[in-house]
Amino acid sequence: MPLHKISIPKRRAWSEEETARFLELRAQDIKLADIATVLGRSYNSVENRSNDFPKKKRASTISDPAENFWSYVDKSGGDSACWPWRGAKTGPGYGVHEFRWPDGKRRDGAHRIALSLAQGRYITDGLDVLHSCDNKPCCNPAHLSEGTKSRNMREAYERNLIQPTGFHGESVHSSKLTLVQVKAIVAAWNIGFRNSEIAELFHVSRAAISHIVAGRAWRKDLGDAALSRRPLARAS
């Protein structure tokens, strides 16, 4: 049959009712293939119609950085209760968040951001944020305080978060670690202390700490203590 005699069906025009129904279905994030089935149209027809109405990027419902941060914190327990972080967490269980400060965005611990917002200033350089509740995801400023790394380690020991100990006293200044100290190093690493922080407290090199927590040193002596190591992703 000559090409000029082939009958090509005309595209069915979209009525106002169909268009309204299409936009209603797309607003519900229904797949185009399913919309085509509902409307009794081909997929190409629905796809072409979709291109006529490009989706607008959804604006963030929360523009204030502080308000956005607190939206991830569960305060339902009341002022005196722990306020657990509901966002991303580190291996040891601390919350992490990328906060937009006046000088730019920084990824930091959620508990550090919480205390900074409560105090109206950023945490003093070199200081940790300590939990009086010993609950790592907690972001209640009433449970948080600034403190030195040594105080953080000491309180962890006093609350039996690090056992056994051997990190305080004259033995700290010894260039040769004891098994008790090595077990304390593994325990400290397991609850979130960094290699550099532990090295400073025990007066050894960061490489020495790395060898211990990675199981390259003291492996036979550590026994069960070596089996409870956290993932190595945050070992540095």
Protein backbone atom coordinates (compact mmCIF):
# COMPACT_ATOMS: atom_id res chain seq x y z
CA MET A 1 0.00 0.00 0.00
CA PRO A 2 1.44 3.43 -0.89
CA LEU A 3 2.59 5.41 2.11
CA HIS A 4 0.31 8.30 1.28
CA LYS A 5 -2.69 6.02 1.67
CA ILE A 6 -1.75 4.69 5.15
CA SER A 7 -4.18 5.98 7.74
CA ILE A 8 -2.37 7.30 10.83
CA PRO A 9 -4.67 7.59 13.84
CA LYS A 10 -4.81 11.02 15.35
CA ARG A 11 -3.62 11.46 18.93
CA ARG A 12 -6.48 11.77 21.34
CA ALA A 13 -6.43 15.23 22.84
CA TRP A 14 -6.29 15.60 26.59
CA SER A 15 -9.46 16.92 28.09
CA GLU A 16 -9.45 19.24 31.08
CA GLU A 17 -10.89 16.43 33.22
CA GLU A 18 -8.13 14.01 32.17
CA THR A 19 -5.44 16.57 32.81
CA ALA A 20 -6.82 17.35 36.25
CA ARG A 21 -6.99 13.63 37.06
CA PHE A 22 -3.43 13.14 35.76
CA LEU A 23 -2.06 15.94 37.95
CA GLU A 24 -3.93 14.58 40.96
CA LEU A 25 -2.44 11.10 40.48
CA ARG A 26 1.07 12.43 39.87
CA ALA A 27 0.89 14.54 43.03
CA GLN A 28 0.52 11.23 44.91
CA ASP A 29 3.81 10.04 43.35
CA ILE A 30 2.04 7.28 41.43
CA LYS A 31 4.16 5.79 38.63
CA LEU A 32 3.45 6.98 35.10
CA ALA A 33 2.78 3.40 33.95
CA ASP A 34 0.05 3.06 36.58
CA ILE A 35 -1.40 6.46 35.66
CA ALA A 36 -1.56 5.32 32.03
CA THR A 37 -3.53 2.25 33.09
CA VAL A 38 -5.96 4.33 35.16
CA LEU A 39 -6.53 6.84 32.37
CA GLY A 40 -6.64 4.24 29.58
CA ARG A 41 -3.80 5.89 27.70
CA SER A 42 -0.45 4.72 26.38
CA TYR A 43 2.65 5.19 28.47
CA ASN A 44 4.15 7.53 25.85
CA SER A 45 1.05 9.71 25.94
CA VAL A 46 1.22 10.02 29.71
CA GLU A 47 4.98 10.62 29.65
CA ASN A 48 4.57 13.40 27.08
CA ARG A 49 1.85 14.97 29.21
CA SER A 50 4.11 14.76 32.24
CA ASN A 51 6.79 16.70 30.35
CA ASP A 52 4.23 19.46 29.79
CA PHE A 53 4.01 19.89 33.56
CA PRO A 54 7.58 19.60 34.96
CA LYS A 55 7.69 18.95 38.67
CA LYS A 56 8.90 21.79 40.83
CA LYS A 57 11.61 21.01 43.33
CA ARG A 58 10.15 20.71 46.76
CA ALA A 59 11.39 23.44 49.03
CA SER A 60 12.59 22.36 52.44
CA THR A 61 9.77 22.63 54.91
CA ILE A 62 12.24 23.84 57.54
CA SER A 63 14.64 26.61 56.56
CA ASP A 64 16.04 27.49 59.99
CA PRO A 65 19.12 25.30 60.75
CA ALA A 66 18.35 25.09 64.48
CA GLU A 67 14.71 24.21 63.89
CA ASN A 68 15.77 21.58 61.37
CA PHE A 69 18.24 20.12 63.87
CA TRP A 70 15.73 19.89 66.73
CA SER A 71 13.22 18.19 64.42
CA TYR A 72 15.47 15.11 64.65
CA VAL A 73 15.41 15.14 68.45
CA ASP A 74 12.70 13.30 70.41
CA LYS A 75 11.70 15.52 73.36
CA SER A 76 8.54 13.58 74.16
CA GLY A 77 9.90 12.36 77.50
CA GLY A 78 9.88 15.84 79.03
CA ASP A 79 12.48 18.36 80.14
CA SER A 80 14.30 16.05 82.54
CA ALA A 81 14.31 12.95 80.31
CA CYS A 82 16.84 11.95 77.69
CA TRP A 83 16.18 13.41 74.25
CA PRO A 84 17.31 10.71 71.81
CA TRP A 85 18.64 11.64 68.39
CA ARG A 86 16.53 10.13 65.59
CA GLY A 87 18.89 10.88 62.70
CA ALA A 88 22.15 9.32 61.51
CA LYS A 89 24.50 7.76 64.08
CA THR A 90 28.11 6.69 64.30
CA GLY A 91 29.19 3.10 64.96
CA PRO A 92 29.40 3.64 68.74
CA GLY A 93 25.91 5.19 68.73
CA TYR A 94 26.48 8.96 68.84
CA GLY A 95 24.24 11.13 66.65
CA VAL A 96 25.82 13.01 63.74
CA HIS A 97 24.44 15.92 61.77
CA GLU A 98 25.60 18.40 59.12
CA PHE A 99 24.74 21.77 60.60
CA ARG A 100 24.77 25.08 58.76
CA TRP A 101 26.70 27.48 60.98
CA PRO A 102 27.22 31.16 60.07
CA ASP A 103 30.69 30.29 58.70
CA GLY A 104 29.50 27.30 56.69
CA LYS A 105 28.32 23.70 57.00
CA ARG A 106 30.09 21.26 59.30
CA ARG A 107 29.37 17.65 60.18
CA ASP A 108 29.53 17.22 63.93
CA GLY A 109 28.23 15.18 66.83
CA ALA A 110 24.54 15.85 67.50
CA HIS A 111 25.20 16.23 71.24
CA ARG A 112 27.88 18.87 70.52
CA ILE A 113 25.48 20.80 68.29
CA ALA A 114 22.73 20.57 70.92
CA LEU A 115 24.92 22.04 73.65
CA SER A 116 26.28 24.70 71.30
CA LEU A 117 22.76 25.85 70.43
CA ALA A 118 21.74 25.87 74.09
CA GLN A 119 24.80 27.92 75.07
CA GLY A 120 24.58 30.28 72.10
CA ARG A 121 28.21 29.56 71.16
CA TYR A 122 30.26 26.76 69.71
CA ILE A 123 32.01 24.29 72.00
CA THR A 124 35.44 25.47 73.13
CA ASP A 125 38.20 24.03 70.96
CA GLY A 126 39.82 20.96 72.46
CA LEU A 127 36.94 20.15 74.80
CA ASP A 128 34.58 17.19 74.67
CA VAL A 129 30.86 17.21 75.38
CA LEU A 130 30.09 14.84 78.24
CA HIS A 131 26.83 13.00 78.93
CA SER A 132 25.75 12.92 82.57
CA CYS A 133 23.15 10.30 81.55
CA ASP A 134 25.68 8.06 79.75
CA ASN A 135 23.15 7.80 76.90
CA LYS A 136 25.11 8.38 73.67
CA PRO A 137 22.18 9.49 71.44
CA CYS A 138 20.87 11.94 74.08
CA CYS A 139 20.75 15.61 73.00
CA ASN A 140 19.14 17.16 76.07
CA PRO A 141 21.37 20.13 76.99
CA ALA A 142 20.48 19.53 80.66
CA HIS A 143 22.40 16.25 80.42
CA LEU A 144 25.41 17.72 78.59
CA SER A 145 28.46 19.68 79.67
CA GLU A 146 31.86 20.68 78.34
CA GLY A 147 34.85 18.84 79.71
CA THR A 148 38.41 17.81 78.99
CA LYS A 149 39.26 14.47 77.40
CA SER A 150 40.88 13.29 80.61
CA ARG A 151 37.74 14.11 82.57
CA ASN A 152 35.70 12.26 79.96
CA MET A 153 37.88 9.18 80.35
CA ARG A 154 37.89 9.42 84.15
CA GLU A 155 34.09 9.64 84.34
CA ALA A 156 33.77 6.72 81.94
CA TYR A 157 35.92 4.70 84.32
CA GLU A 158 34.02 5.82 87.43
CA ARG A 159 30.72 4.74 85.84
CA ASN A 160 32.14 1.37 84.81
CA LEU A 161 31.98 2.20 81.10
CA ILE A 162 35.64 1.20 80.85
CA GLN A 163 36.78 -1.98 82.57
CA PRO A 164 39.32 -2.93 83.65
CA THR A 165 41.37 0.21 84.12
CA GLY A 166 45.01 1.03 84.43
CA PHE A 167 45.15 4.32 82.62
CA HIS A 168 45.59 6.57 85.63
CA GLY A 169 48.49 7.08 88.03
CA GLU A 170 52.19 6.56 87.46
CA SER A 171 51.68 3.76 84.96
CA VAL A 172 50.41 6.24 82.38
CA HIS A 173 53.92 7.66 82.03
CA SER A 174 55.49 4.29 81.42
CA SER A 175 56.71 3.70 77.89
CA LYS A 176 55.68 0.05 78.18
CA LEU A 177 51.96 -0.77 78.50
CA THR A 178 50.62 -3.43 80.80
CA LEU A 179 47.89 -5.88 79.82
CA VAL A 180 45.47 -4.05 82.11
CA GLN A 181 46.19 -0.80 80.27
CA VAL A 182 45.81 -2.46 76.88
CA LYS A 183 42.39 -3.82 77.85
CA ALA A 184 41.43 -0.35 79.00
CA ILE A 185 42.56 1.02 75.63
CA VAL A 186 40.33 -1.46 73.77
CA ALA A 187 37.42 -0.65 76.08
CA ALA A 188 37.90 3.09 75.55
CA TRP A 189 38.05 2.62 71.79
CA ASN A 190 34.87 0.53 71.88
CA ILE A 191 32.86 3.35 73.47
CA GLY A 192 33.93 5.90 70.88
CA PHE A 193 37.26 7.45 71.88
CA ARG A 194 39.55 8.16 68.95
CA ASN A 195 43.07 6.77 68.58
CA SER A 196 44.62 10.22 69.02
CA GLU A 197 42.68 10.84 72.25
CA ILE A 198 43.64 7.47 73.74
CA ALA A 199 47.26 7.90 72.69
CA GLU A 200 47.41 11.25 74.49
CA LEU A 201 45.98 9.79 77.69
CA PHE A 202 48.34 6.80 77.74
CA HIS A 203 51.38 8.76 76.51
CA VAL A 204 52.02 6.43 73.59
CA SER A 205 51.98 6.97 69.83
CA ARG A 206 48.79 6.89 67.82
CA ALA A 207 50.34 4.08 65.75
CA ALA A 208 50.66 1.97 68.92
CA ILE A 209 46.95 2.42 69.63
CA SER A 210 46.13 1.58 66.01
CA HIS A 211 48.07 -1.69 66.24
CA ILE A 212 46.25 -2.65 69.45
CA VAL A 213 42.67 -1.93 68.31
CA ALA A 214 43.29 -3.53 64.89
CA GLY A 215 44.48 -6.74 66.58
CA ARG A 216 48.04 -6.50 65.25
CA ALA A 217 49.50 -6.24 68.75
CA TRP A 218 48.59 -7.98 72.02
CA ARG A 219 46.23 -10.24 70.10
CA LYS A 220 46.91 -13.39 72.11
CA ASP A 221 46.78 -11.57 75.44
CA LEU A 222 43.54 -9.69 74.75
CA GLY A 223 41.39 -12.77 74.23
CA ASP A 224 37.68 -11.90 74.52
CA ALA A 225 38.43 -8.18 74.76
CA ALA A 226 39.57 -8.20 71.15
CA LEU A 227 36.32 -9.83 70.00
CA SER A 228 34.14 -6.91 71.04
CA ARG A 229 35.90 -4.32 68.91
CA ARG A 230 33.68 -1.84 67.08
CA PRO A 231 34.00 -1.42 63.26
CA LEU A 232 37.29 0.10 62.15
CA ALA A 233 35.59 2.90 60.17
CA ARG A 234 36.22 5.46 62.93
CA ALA A 235 39.52 4.17 64.24
CA SER A 236 41.54 7.24 63.27
